[in-house]
Amino acid sequence: MKKKILIIDDDINLLNSMASYLVSEGFIIDIATNGHQVLKKLNIIKPNLIITDIMMPKINGYDLIKQIRSDKRWYHTPVIFLTAKGMTHDRILGYELGCNAYVTKPFYPDELISIINNIFKHLEVWKKNTNNHTQNFNNETKNLIFNSLTSREYSILVLVAQGCTNKEIANKLNLSTRNIEKYVSRLLNKTKTRNRTELAKLTLLNYLHIRQGE
């Protein structure tokens, strides 16, 4: 089945050029020139991946990904930032907000295709491993893991599951971002998960298990 990709950029020439190239590579493409269009299109298009510029009118890429990651329907949708902003702090912010890759303009089309295919490949592996993990993960073991968490760890876990960044969690709990990073790392070790996405998934599964047992 062909993958659907939504591209957002206020440069219409670049937008059309990328769209034509990706269509020639076998993808189904839809385009938008601003964030407002995107938020309207998501429920209609249901993209498998989003490529977005950062510097755009009305809603920039950072604000856009915040809204995408705050919606459980799109929380796991891969997002690639395609932008002229190449400073280290820009990249760090992008990754903290949940982007999957960061491509700086100008770029080689073949490099973009390689990144897209790599994201889809890892996503399939993640889905397979998650399904196996869900099927084989004993409920008693899950309870032991979550019962071992401190109240602070559990509070941070819930905020991670809600899609909050480390900075947002730090502000909510009046802690430093560095401390939140340590807590998240500790949670990953305790739950045997590899990243924030898996951690959020496991938290949701545990919540559903508790609700089913009520």
C-alpha atoms as a PDB file:
ATOM      1  CA  MET A   1       0.000   0.000   0.000  1.00  0.00           C
ATOM      2  CA  LYS A   2       1.334   3.430  -0.955  1.00  0.00           C
ATOM      3  CA  LYS A   3       2.284   5.745   1.888  1.00  0.00           C
ATOM      4  CA  LYS A   4       0.603   9.156   2.215  1.00  0.00           C
ATOM      5  CA  ILE A   5       2.862  12.138   2.856  1.00  0.00           C
ATOM      6  CA  LEU A   6       1.716  15.654   3.743  1.00  0.00           C
ATOM      7  CA  ILE A   7       4.189  18.445   2.890  1.00  0.00           C
ATOM      8  CA  ILE A   8       3.936  21.928   4.415  1.00  0.00           C
ATOM      9  CA  ASP A   9       5.987  24.875   3.158  1.00  0.00           C
ATOM     10  CA  ASP A  10       5.161  28.490   2.304  1.00  0.00           C
ATOM     11  CA  ASP A  11       7.601  28.349  -0.646  1.00  0.00           C
ATOM     12  CA  ILE A  12       5.208  27.155  -3.351  1.00  0.00           C
ATOM     13  CA  ASN A  13       7.999  26.408  -5.848  1.00  0.00           C
ATOM     14  CA  LEU A  14       9.853  24.167  -3.413  1.00  0.00           C
ATOM     15  CA  LEU A  15       6.548  22.640  -2.347  1.00  0.00           C
ATOM     16  CA  ASN A  16       5.594  21.666  -5.906  1.00  0.00           C
ATOM     17  CA  SER A  17       9.115  20.449  -6.658  1.00  0.00           C
ATOM     18  CA  MET A  18       9.169  18.146  -3.609  1.00  0.00           C
ATOM     19  CA  ALA A  19       5.653  16.928  -4.334  1.00  0.00           C
ATOM     20  CA  SER A  20       6.527  16.000  -7.932  1.00  0.00           C
ATOM     21  CA  TYR A  21       9.678  14.183  -6.875  1.00  0.00           C
ATOM     22  CA  LEU A  22       7.960  12.207  -4.112  1.00  0.00           C
ATOM     23  CA  VAL A  23       5.081  11.271  -6.425  1.00  0.00           C
ATOM     24  CA  SER A  24       7.659   9.916  -8.903  1.00  0.00           C
ATOM     25  CA  GLU A  25       9.027   7.782  -6.058  1.00  0.00           C
ATOM     26  CA  GLY A  26       5.624   6.164  -5.503  1.00  0.00           C
ATOM     27  CA  PHE A  27       4.201   8.202  -2.617  1.00  0.00           C
ATOM     28  CA  ILE A  28       0.747   9.765  -2.397  1.00  0.00           C
ATOM     29  CA  ILE A  29       1.254  13.477  -1.747  1.00  0.00           C
ATOM     30  CA  ASP A  30      -0.855  16.312  -0.409  1.00  0.00           C
ATOM     31  CA  ILE A  31       0.427  19.824   0.196  1.00  0.00           C
ATOM     32  CA  ALA A  32      -0.320  22.825   2.392  1.00  0.00           C
ATOM     33  CA  THR A  33       1.229  26.281   2.655  1.00  0.00           C
ATOM     34  CA  ASN A  34       0.487  26.943   6.330  1.00  0.00           C
ATOM     35  CA  GLY A  35      -0.321  25.258   9.613  1.00  0.00           C
ATOM     36  CA  HIS A  36      -4.000  26.177   9.591  1.00  0.00           C
ATOM     37  CA  GLN A  37      -4.487  24.177   6.395  1.00  0.00           C
ATOM     38  CA  VAL A  38      -2.689  21.245   7.963  1.00  0.00           C
ATOM     39  CA  LEU A  39      -4.897  21.089  11.036  1.00  0.00           C
ATOM     40  CA  LYS A  40      -7.929  21.043   8.742  1.00  0.00           C
ATOM     41  CA  LYS A  41      -6.437  18.405   6.433  1.00  0.00           C
ATOM     42  CA  LEU A  42      -5.215  15.883   8.998  1.00  0.00           C
ATOM     43  CA  ASN A  43      -8.563  14.203   9.577  1.00  0.00           C
ATOM     44  CA  ILE A  44      -9.216  14.075   5.830  1.00  0.00           C
ATOM     45  CA  ILE A  45      -5.811  12.958   4.563  1.00  0.00           C
ATOM     46  CA  LYS A  46      -4.670  10.811   7.485  1.00  0.00           C
ATOM     47  CA  PRO A  47      -1.005  11.007   6.400  1.00  0.00           C
ATOM     48  CA  ASN A  48       1.545   8.338   7.232  1.00  0.00           C
ATOM     49  CA  LEU A  49       4.272  10.994   7.473  1.00  0.00           C
ATOM     50  CA  ILE A  50       4.484  14.794   7.642  1.00  0.00           C
ATOM     51  CA  ILE A  51       7.252  16.985   6.212  1.00  0.00           C
ATOM     52  CA  THR A  52       7.092  20.580   7.405  1.00  0.00           C
ATOM     53  CA  ASP A  53       9.033  23.805   7.199  1.00  0.00           C
ATOM     54  CA  ILE A  54       9.611  25.687  10.459  1.00  0.00           C
ATOM     55  CA  MET A  55       9.478  29.366   9.491  1.00  0.00           C
ATOM     56  CA  MET A  56       5.896  29.786   8.268  1.00  0.00           C
ATOM     57  CA  PRO A  57       3.186  32.431   8.749  1.00  0.00           C
ATOM     58  CA  LYS A  58       0.368  32.042  11.307  1.00  0.00           C
ATOM     59  CA  ILE A  59       1.558  28.723  12.805  1.00  0.00           C
ATOM     60  CA  ASN A  60       5.263  27.860  12.645  1.00  0.00           C
ATOM     61  CA  GLY A  61       6.603  24.323  12.524  1.00  0.00           C
ATOM     62  CA  TYR A  62       7.347  24.176  16.245  1.00  0.00           C
ATOM     63  CA  ASP A  63       3.793  25.168  17.199  1.00  0.00           C
ATOM     64  CA  LEU A  64       2.407  22.816  14.579  1.00  0.00           C
ATOM     65  CA  ILE A  65       4.239  19.760  15.917  1.00  0.00           C
ATOM     66  CA  LYS A  66       3.122  20.639  19.456  1.00  0.00           C
ATOM     67  CA  GLN A  67      -0.495  20.437  18.328  1.00  0.00           C
ATOM     68  CA  ILE A  68       0.124  17.248  16.372  1.00  0.00           C
ATOM     69  CA  ARG A  69       1.831  15.552  19.316  1.00  0.00           C
ATOM     70  CA  SER A  70      -0.926  16.667  21.701  1.00  0.00           C
ATOM     71  CA  ASP A  71      -3.534  14.721  19.698  1.00  0.00           C
ATOM     72  CA  LYS A  72      -3.552  10.976  20.421  1.00  0.00           C
ATOM     73  CA  ARG A  73      -4.693  10.301  16.850  1.00  0.00           C
ATOM     74  CA  TRP A  74      -1.482  11.770  15.421  1.00  0.00           C
ATOM     75  CA  TYR A  75       0.921  11.317  18.320  1.00  0.00           C
ATOM     76  CA  HIS A  76       2.866   8.552  16.543  1.00  0.00           C
ATOM     77  CA  THR A  77       2.814  10.100  13.044  1.00  0.00           C
ATOM     78  CA  PRO A  78       6.442  10.690  11.940  1.00  0.00           C
ATOM     79  CA  VAL A  79       7.395  14.335  11.366  1.00  0.00           C
ATOM     80  CA  ILE A  80      10.397  15.592   9.395  1.00  0.00           C
ATOM     81  CA  PHE A  81      11.489  19.201   9.839  1.00  0.00           C
ATOM     82  CA  LEU A  82      12.693  20.596   6.515  1.00  0.00           C
ATOM     83  CA  THR A  83      14.174  24.041   7.135  1.00  0.00           C
ATOM     84  CA  ALA A  84      16.904  26.584   6.676  1.00  0.00           C
ATOM     85  CA  LYS A  85      17.302  26.792  10.469  1.00  0.00           C
ATOM     86  CA  GLY A  86      20.376  24.657  11.050  1.00  0.00           C
ATOM     87  CA  MET A  87      21.725  25.825  14.419  1.00  0.00           C
ATOM     88  CA  THR A  88      22.296  23.188  17.094  1.00  0.00           C
ATOM     89  CA  HIS A  89      19.735  24.683  19.494  1.00  0.00           C
ATOM     90  CA  ASP A  90      17.141  24.622  16.691  1.00  0.00           C
ATOM     91  CA  ARG A  91      17.773  20.930  16.141  1.00  0.00           C
ATOM     92  CA  ILE A  92      17.608  20.179  19.860  1.00  0.00           C
ATOM     93  CA  LEU A  93      14.277  21.983  20.133  1.00  0.00           C
ATOM     94  CA  GLY A  94      12.946  20.051  17.146  1.00  0.00           C
ATOM     95  CA  TYR A  95      13.882  16.702  18.645  1.00  0.00           C
ATOM     96  CA  GLU A  96      12.546  17.654  22.083  1.00  0.00           C
ATOM     97  CA  LEU A  97       9.204  18.469  20.479  1.00  0.00           C
ATOM     98  CA  GLY A  98       9.127  15.041  18.868  1.00  0.00           C
ATOM     99  CA  CYS A  99      10.368  15.369  15.294  1.00  0.00           C
ATOM    100  CA  ASN A 100      11.818  12.193  13.774  1.00  0.00           C
ATOM    101  CA  ALA A 101      14.373  13.812  11.479  1.00  0.00           C
ATOM    102  CA  TYR A 102      15.769  17.224  10.711  1.00  0.00           C
ATOM    103  CA  VAL A 103      16.831  18.086   7.132  1.00  0.00           C
ATOM    104  CA  THR A 104      18.519  21.418   6.455  1.00  0.00           C
ATOM    105  CA  LYS A 105      17.945  23.325   3.199  1.00  0.00           C
ATOM    106  CA  PRO A 106      19.398  23.015   0.634  1.00  0.00           C
ATOM    107  CA  PHE A 107      19.239  19.246   0.502  1.00  0.00           C
ATOM    108  CA  TYR A 108      19.608  16.393  -1.964  1.00  0.00           C
ATOM    109  CA  PRO A 109      16.266  14.787  -2.911  1.00  0.00           C
ATOM    110  CA  ASP A 110      17.840  11.331  -2.673  1.00  0.00           C
ATOM    111  CA  GLU A 111      18.831  12.077   0.927  1.00  0.00           C
ATOM    112  CA  LEU A 112      15.237  13.002   1.778  1.00  0.00           C
ATOM    113  CA  ILE A 113      13.952   9.784   0.177  1.00  0.00           C
ATOM    114  CA  SER A 114      16.501   7.772   2.143  1.00  0.00           C
ATOM    115  CA  ILE A 115      15.388   9.404   5.415  1.00  0.00           C
ATOM    116  CA  ILE A 116      11.711   8.800   4.623  1.00  0.00           C
ATOM    117  CA  ASN A 117      12.274   5.134   3.768  1.00  0.00           C
ATOM    118  CA  ASN A 118      14.386   4.679   6.888  1.00  0.00           C
ATOM    119  CA  ILE A 119      11.639   6.152   9.090  1.00  0.00           C
ATOM    120  CA  PHE A 120       9.013   3.855   7.567  1.00  0.00           C
ATOM    121  CA  LYS A 121      11.341   0.866   7.957  1.00  0.00           C
ATOM    122  CA  HIS A 122      11.947   1.568  11.646  1.00  0.00           C
ATOM    123  CA  LEU A 123       8.252   2.266  12.175  1.00  0.00           C
ATOM    124  CA  GLU A 124       7.347  -1.175  10.834  1.00  0.00           C
ATOM    125  CA  VAL A 125       9.944  -2.797  13.085  1.00  0.00           C
ATOM    126  CA  TRP A 126       8.631  -0.814  16.063  1.00  0.00           C
ATOM    127  CA  LYS A 127       5.033  -1.852  15.338  1.00  0.00           C
ATOM    128  CA  LYS A 128       6.060  -5.497  15.050  1.00  0.00           C
ATOM    129  CA  ASN A 129       8.059  -5.392  18.268  1.00  0.00           C
ATOM    130  CA  THR A 130       5.287  -3.497  20.056  1.00  0.00           C
ATOM    131  CA  ASN A 131       2.699  -6.068  19.009  1.00  0.00           C
ATOM    132  CA  ASN A 132       4.931  -8.897  20.196  1.00  0.00           C
ATOM    133  CA  HIS A 133       5.674  -7.003  23.382  1.00  0.00           C
ATOM    134  CA  THR A 134       1.953  -6.458  23.988  1.00  0.00           C
ATOM    135  CA  GLN A 135       1.107 -10.112  23.395  1.00  0.00           C
ATOM    136  CA  ASN A 136       3.894 -11.507  25.535  1.00  0.00           C
ATOM    137  CA  PHE A 137       4.095  -8.961  28.325  1.00  0.00           C
ATOM    138  CA  ASN A 138       2.694 -10.542  31.488  1.00  0.00           C
ATOM    139  CA  ASN A 139       0.216  -8.368  33.396  1.00  0.00           C
ATOM    140  CA  GLU A 140       1.832  -9.221  36.715  1.00  0.00           C
ATOM    141  CA  THR A 141       5.188  -8.042  35.402  1.00  0.00           C
ATOM    142  CA  LYS A 142       3.614  -4.765  34.257  1.00  0.00           C
ATOM    143  CA  ASN A 143       2.129  -4.202  37.687  1.00  0.00           C
ATOM    144  CA  LEU A 144       5.462  -4.875  39.365  1.00  0.00           C
ATOM    145  CA  ILE A 145       7.151  -2.285  37.153  1.00  0.00           C
ATOM    146  CA  PHE A 146       4.574   0.443  37.712  1.00  0.00           C
ATOM    147  CA  ASN A 147       4.230  -0.311  41.418  1.00  0.00           C
ATOM    148  CA  SER A 148       7.998   0.177  41.793  1.00  0.00           C
ATOM    149  CA  LEU A 149       7.804   3.796  40.625  1.00  0.00           C
ATOM    150  CA  THR A 150       8.017   6.664  43.077  1.00  0.00           C
ATOM    151  CA  SER A 151       5.239   9.248  43.095  1.00  0.00           C
ATOM    152  CA  ARG A 152       7.561  11.714  41.320  1.00  0.00           C
ATOM    153  CA  GLU A 153       8.480   9.157  38.666  1.00  0.00           C
ATOM    154  CA  TYR A 154       4.847   8.324  38.081  1.00  0.00           C
ATOM    155  CA  SER A 155       3.928  12.025  37.736  1.00  0.00           C
ATOM    156  CA  ILE A 156       6.640  12.464  35.117  1.00  0.00           C
ATOM    157  CA  LEU A 157       5.571   9.245  33.391  1.00  0.00           C
ATOM    158  CA  VAL A 158       2.013  10.534  33.007  1.00  0.00           C
ATOM    159  CA  LEU A 159       3.247  13.835  31.527  1.00  0.00           C
ATOM    160  CA  VAL A 160       5.529  12.004  29.098  1.00  0.00           C
ATOM    161  CA  ALA A 161       2.554   9.893  28.017  1.00  0.00           C
ATOM    162  CA  GLN A 162       0.604  13.114  27.406  1.00  0.00           C
ATOM    163  CA  GLY A 163       3.287  14.236  24.962  1.00  0.00           C
ATOM    164  CA  CYS A 164       4.899  16.925  27.120  1.00  0.00           C
ATOM    165  CA  THR A 165       8.511  17.871  26.400  1.00  0.00           C
ATOM    166  CA  ASN A 166      11.172  17.794  29.122  1.00  0.00           C
ATOM    167  CA  LYS A 167      11.006  21.591  29.348  1.00  0.00           C
ATOM    168  CA  GLU A 168       7.230  21.562  29.727  1.00  0.00           C
ATOM    169  CA  ILE A 169       7.427  18.882  32.411  1.00  0.00           C
ATOM    170  CA  ALA A 170      10.122  20.854  34.245  1.00  0.00           C
ATOM    171  CA  ASN A 171       7.922  23.961  34.239  1.00  0.00           C
ATOM    172  CA  LYS A 172       4.885  22.033  35.489  1.00  0.00           C
ATOM    173  CA  LEU A 173       6.792  20.372  38.343  1.00  0.00           C
ATOM    174  CA  ASN A 174       9.164  23.254  39.146  1.00  0.00           C
ATOM    175  CA  LEU A 175      12.241  21.164  38.414  1.00  0.00           C
ATOM    176  CA  SER A 176      15.223  21.707  36.140  1.00  0.00           C
ATOM    177  CA  THR A 177      15.206  20.261  32.638  1.00  0.00           C
ATOM    178  CA  ARG A 178      18.355  18.330  33.568  1.00  0.00           C
ATOM    179  CA  ASN A 179      16.536  16.610  36.439  1.00  0.00           C
ATOM    180  CA  ILE A 180      13.663  15.680  34.135  1.00  0.00           C
ATOM    181  CA  GLU A 181      16.145  14.152  31.675  1.00  0.00           C
ATOM    182  CA  LYS A 182      17.516  11.990  34.518  1.00  0.00           C
ATOM    183  CA  TYR A 183      14.023  10.915  35.558  1.00  0.00           C
ATOM    184  CA  VAL A 184      13.053  10.010  31.983  1.00  0.00           C
ATOM    185  CA  SER A 185      16.261   8.019  31.573  1.00  0.00           C
ATOM    186  CA  ARG A 186      15.490   6.184  34.832  1.00  0.00           C
ATOM    187  CA  LEU A 187      11.947   5.437  33.636  1.00  0.00           C
ATOM    188  CA  LEU A 188      13.281   4.010  30.368  1.00  0.00           C
ATOM    189  CA  ASN A 189      15.588   1.707  32.325  1.00  0.00           C
ATOM    190  CA  LYS A 190      12.882   0.593  34.764  1.00  0.00           C
ATOM    191  CA  THR A 191      10.316  -0.131  32.059  1.00  0.00           C
ATOM    192  CA  LYS A 192      12.822  -1.636  29.622  1.00  0.00           C
ATOM    193  CA  THR A 193      11.641   0.711  26.883  1.00  0.00           C
ATOM    194  CA  ARG A 194      13.899   2.292  24.269  1.00  0.00           C
ATOM    195  CA  ASN A 195      12.406   5.744  23.798  1.00  0.00           C
ATOM    196  CA  ARG A 196       9.632   8.128  24.874  1.00  0.00           C
ATOM    197  CA  THR A 197       7.207   6.718  22.303  1.00  0.00           C
ATOM    198  CA  GLU A 198       7.487   3.181  23.682  1.00  0.00           C
ATOM    199  CA  LEU A 199       7.269   4.564  27.225  1.00  0.00           C
ATOM    200  CA  ALA A 200       4.020   6.378  26.398  1.00  0.00           C
ATOM    201  CA  LYS A 201       2.645   3.267  24.699  1.00  0.00           C
ATOM    202  CA  LEU A 202       3.404   1.102  27.723  1.00  0.00           C
ATOM    203  CA  THR A 203       1.766   3.658  30.032  1.00  0.00           C
ATOM    204  CA  LEU A 204      -1.386   3.617  27.914  1.00  0.00           C
ATOM    205  CA  LEU A 205      -1.482  -0.194  27.910  1.00  0.00           C
ATOM    206  CA  ASN A 206      -1.142  -0.242  31.700  1.00  0.00           C
ATOM    207  CA  TYR A 207      -3.943   2.319  32.046  1.00  0.00           C
ATOM    208  CA  LEU A 208      -6.245   0.257  29.803  1.00  0.00           C
ATOM    209  CA  HIS A 209      -5.402  -2.876  31.780  1.00  0.00           C
ATOM    210  CA  ILE A 210      -6.342  -1.130  35.035  1.00  0.00           C
ATOM    211  CA  ARG A 211      -9.598   0.143  33.547  1.00  0.00           C
ATOM    212  CA  GLN A 212     -10.496  -3.325  32.249  1.00  0.00           C
ATOM    213  CA  GLY A 213      -9.945  -4.744  35.711  1.00  0.00           C
ATOM    214  CA  GLU A 214     -12.281  -2.249  37.380  1.00  0.00           C
END
